[in-house]
Amino acid sequence: MGILAWIILGLAAGLVANVILPGDEPGGVRLSLAIGVLGALIGGAMASAFGLGGVSDFFDPQRWLVAGAGAVLLLVNYRAISRQNSG
């Protein structure tokens, strides 16, 4: 499954991050989904780097937590940076 599975997981993580952190953001839901995908990919790479499993371990709940945490962290950082730049 590999990278495609992580992209699908990232889409789900982006939706969850948008639900956990509701509010206005310049990019809307599409940007949240993109941030979710990026967070999942980064989280998956970090999990592999720290020996927490491989990228192919899609159905492991630990991967889902890592992907969700990555998406939430990226979304928080994005909002902080966009607010700082806008005003």
C-alpha atoms as a PDB file:
ATOM      1  CA  MET A   1       0.000   0.000   0.000  1.00  0.00           C
ATOM      2  CA  GLY A   2       2.832   2.396   0.831  1.00  0.00           C
ATOM      3  CA  ILE A   3       2.567   6.062  -0.019  1.00  0.00           C
ATOM      4  CA  LEU A   4      -1.012   5.921  -1.319  1.00  0.00           C
ATOM      5  CA  ALA A   5      -2.195   4.565   2.022  1.00  0.00           C
ATOM      6  CA  TRP A   6      -0.443   7.407   3.831  1.00  0.00           C
ATOM      7  CA  ILE A   7      -2.093   9.950   1.539  1.00  0.00           C
ATOM      8  CA  ILE A   8      -5.500   8.455   2.327  1.00  0.00           C
ATOM      9  CA  LEU A   9      -4.622   8.449   6.013  1.00  0.00           C
ATOM     10  CA  GLY A  10      -3.515  12.072   5.655  1.00  0.00           C
ATOM     11  CA  LEU A  11      -6.845  13.086   4.178  1.00  0.00           C
ATOM     12  CA  ALA A  12      -8.596  11.544   7.163  1.00  0.00           C
ATOM     13  CA  ALA A  13      -6.119  13.180   9.544  1.00  0.00           C
ATOM     14  CA  GLY A  14      -6.724  16.556   7.893  1.00  0.00           C
ATOM     15  CA  LEU A  15     -10.462  16.221   8.396  1.00  0.00           C
ATOM     16  CA  VAL A  16      -9.973  15.207  12.015  1.00  0.00           C
ATOM     17  CA  ALA A  17      -7.565  18.110  12.591  1.00  0.00           C
ATOM     18  CA  ASN A  18     -10.121  20.493  11.111  1.00  0.00           C
ATOM     19  CA  VAL A  19     -12.770  19.122  13.502  1.00  0.00           C
ATOM     20  CA  ILE A  20     -10.431  19.285  16.514  1.00  0.00           C
ATOM     21  CA  LEU A  21      -9.312  22.810  15.644  1.00  0.00           C
ATOM     22  CA  PRO A  22     -12.359  24.539  14.175  1.00  0.00           C
ATOM     23  CA  GLY A  23     -12.069  28.089  12.998  1.00  0.00           C
ATOM     24  CA  ASP A  24     -11.410  30.304  10.054  1.00  0.00           C
ATOM     25  CA  GLU A  25      -8.355  29.722   7.985  1.00  0.00           C
ATOM     26  CA  PRO A  26      -7.395  31.218   4.652  1.00  0.00           C
ATOM     27  CA  GLY A  27      -7.260  27.922   2.736  1.00  0.00           C
ATOM     28  CA  GLY A  28     -10.417  26.304   4.063  1.00  0.00           C
ATOM     29  CA  VAL A  29     -11.020  22.575   4.082  1.00  0.00           C
ATOM     30  CA  ARG A  30      -8.809  21.921   1.056  1.00  0.00           C
ATOM     31  CA  LEU A  31      -5.809  23.347   2.842  1.00  0.00           C
ATOM     32  CA  SER A  32      -6.635  21.319   5.950  1.00  0.00           C
ATOM     33  CA  LEU A  33      -6.671  18.170   3.817  1.00  0.00           C
ATOM     34  CA  ALA A  34      -3.340  19.095   2.241  1.00  0.00           C
ATOM     35  CA  ILE A  35      -1.855  19.793   5.668  1.00  0.00           C
ATOM     36  CA  GLY A  36      -3.238  16.444   6.839  1.00  0.00           C
ATOM     37  CA  VAL A  37      -1.529  14.627   3.977  1.00  0.00           C
ATOM     38  CA  LEU A  38       1.738  16.418   4.663  1.00  0.00           C
ATOM     39  CA  GLY A  39       1.418  15.722   8.395  1.00  0.00           C
ATOM     40  CA  ALA A  40       0.760  12.038   7.770  1.00  0.00           C
ATOM     41  CA  LEU A  41       3.721  11.736   5.417  1.00  0.00           C
ATOM     42  CA  ILE A  42       6.045  13.534   7.823  1.00  0.00           C
ATOM     43  CA  GLY A  43       4.674  11.562  10.763  1.00  0.00           C
ATOM     44  CA  GLY A  44       5.110   8.305   8.877  1.00  0.00           C
ATOM     45  CA  ALA A  45       8.685   9.177   7.972  1.00  0.00           C
ATOM     46  CA  MET A  46       9.467  10.153  11.564  1.00  0.00           C
ATOM     47  CA  ALA A  47       7.880   6.967  12.906  1.00  0.00           C
ATOM     48  CA  SER A  48      10.064   4.950  10.561  1.00  0.00           C
ATOM     49  CA  ALA A  49      13.162   6.951  11.470  1.00  0.00           C
ATOM     50  CA  PHE A  50      12.612   6.412  15.192  1.00  0.00           C
ATOM     51  CA  GLY A  51      11.995   2.700  14.736  1.00  0.00           C
ATOM     52  CA  LEU A  52       8.284   2.827  15.491  1.00  0.00           C
ATOM     53  CA  GLY A  53       7.441   0.782  12.423  1.00  0.00           C
ATOM     54  CA  GLY A  54       7.540   1.008   8.698  1.00  0.00           C
ATOM     55  CA  VAL A  55       5.540   3.128   6.327  1.00  0.00           C
ATOM     56  CA  SER A  56       3.760  -0.010   5.136  1.00  0.00           C
ATOM     57  CA  ASP A  57       2.179  -0.606   8.585  1.00  0.00           C
ATOM     58  CA  PHE A  58      -1.009   1.214   7.580  1.00  0.00           C
ATOM     59  CA  PHE A  59      -3.472  -0.485   9.916  1.00  0.00           C
ATOM     60  CA  ASP A  60      -1.424   0.003  13.081  1.00  0.00           C
ATOM     61  CA  PRO A  61      -3.256   2.428  15.424  1.00  0.00           C
ATOM     62  CA  GLN A  62       0.077   3.981  16.378  1.00  0.00           C
ATOM     63  CA  ARG A  63       0.478   5.190  12.763  1.00  0.00           C
ATOM     64  CA  TRP A  64      -2.955   6.797  12.877  1.00  0.00           C
ATOM     65  CA  LEU A  65      -2.037   8.656  16.068  1.00  0.00           C
ATOM     66  CA  VAL A  66       1.244   9.820  14.564  1.00  0.00           C
ATOM     67  CA  ALA A  67      -0.506  11.004  11.400  1.00  0.00           C
ATOM     68  CA  GLY A  68      -3.214  12.801  13.362  1.00  0.00           C
ATOM     69  CA  ALA A  69      -0.708  14.458  15.659  1.00  0.00           C
ATOM     70  CA  GLY A  70       1.370  15.553  12.687  1.00  0.00           C
ATOM     71  CA  ALA A  71      -1.676  17.052  10.989  1.00  0.00           C
ATOM     72  CA  VAL A  72      -2.790  18.892  14.126  1.00  0.00           C
ATOM     73  CA  LEU A  73       0.708  20.263  14.757  1.00  0.00           C
ATOM     74  CA  LEU A  74       1.077  21.462  11.178  1.00  0.00           C
ATOM     75  CA  LEU A  75      -2.374  23.047  11.252  1.00  0.00           C
ATOM     76  CA  VAL A  76      -1.606  24.879  14.516  1.00  0.00           C
ATOM     77  CA  ASN A  77       1.699  26.126  13.105  1.00  0.00           C
ATOM     78  CA  TYR A  78       0.090  27.198   9.840  1.00  0.00           C
ATOM     79  CA  ARG A  79      -2.590  29.174  11.651  1.00  0.00           C
ATOM     80  CA  ALA A  80      -0.048  30.840  13.916  1.00  0.00           C
ATOM     81  CA  ILE A  81       2.117  31.846  10.959  1.00  0.00           C
ATOM     82  CA  SER A  82      -0.827  33.054   8.852  1.00  0.00           C
ATOM     83  CA  ARG A  83      -2.189  35.163  11.740  1.00  0.00           C
ATOM     84  CA  GLN A  84       1.228  36.658  12.362  1.00  0.00           C
ATOM     85  CA  ASN A  85       1.618  37.591   8.687  1.00  0.00           C
ATOM     86  CA  SER A  86      -1.886  39.023   8.345  1.00  0.00           C
ATOM     87  CA  GLY A  87      -1.842  41.371  11.243  1.00  0.00           C
END
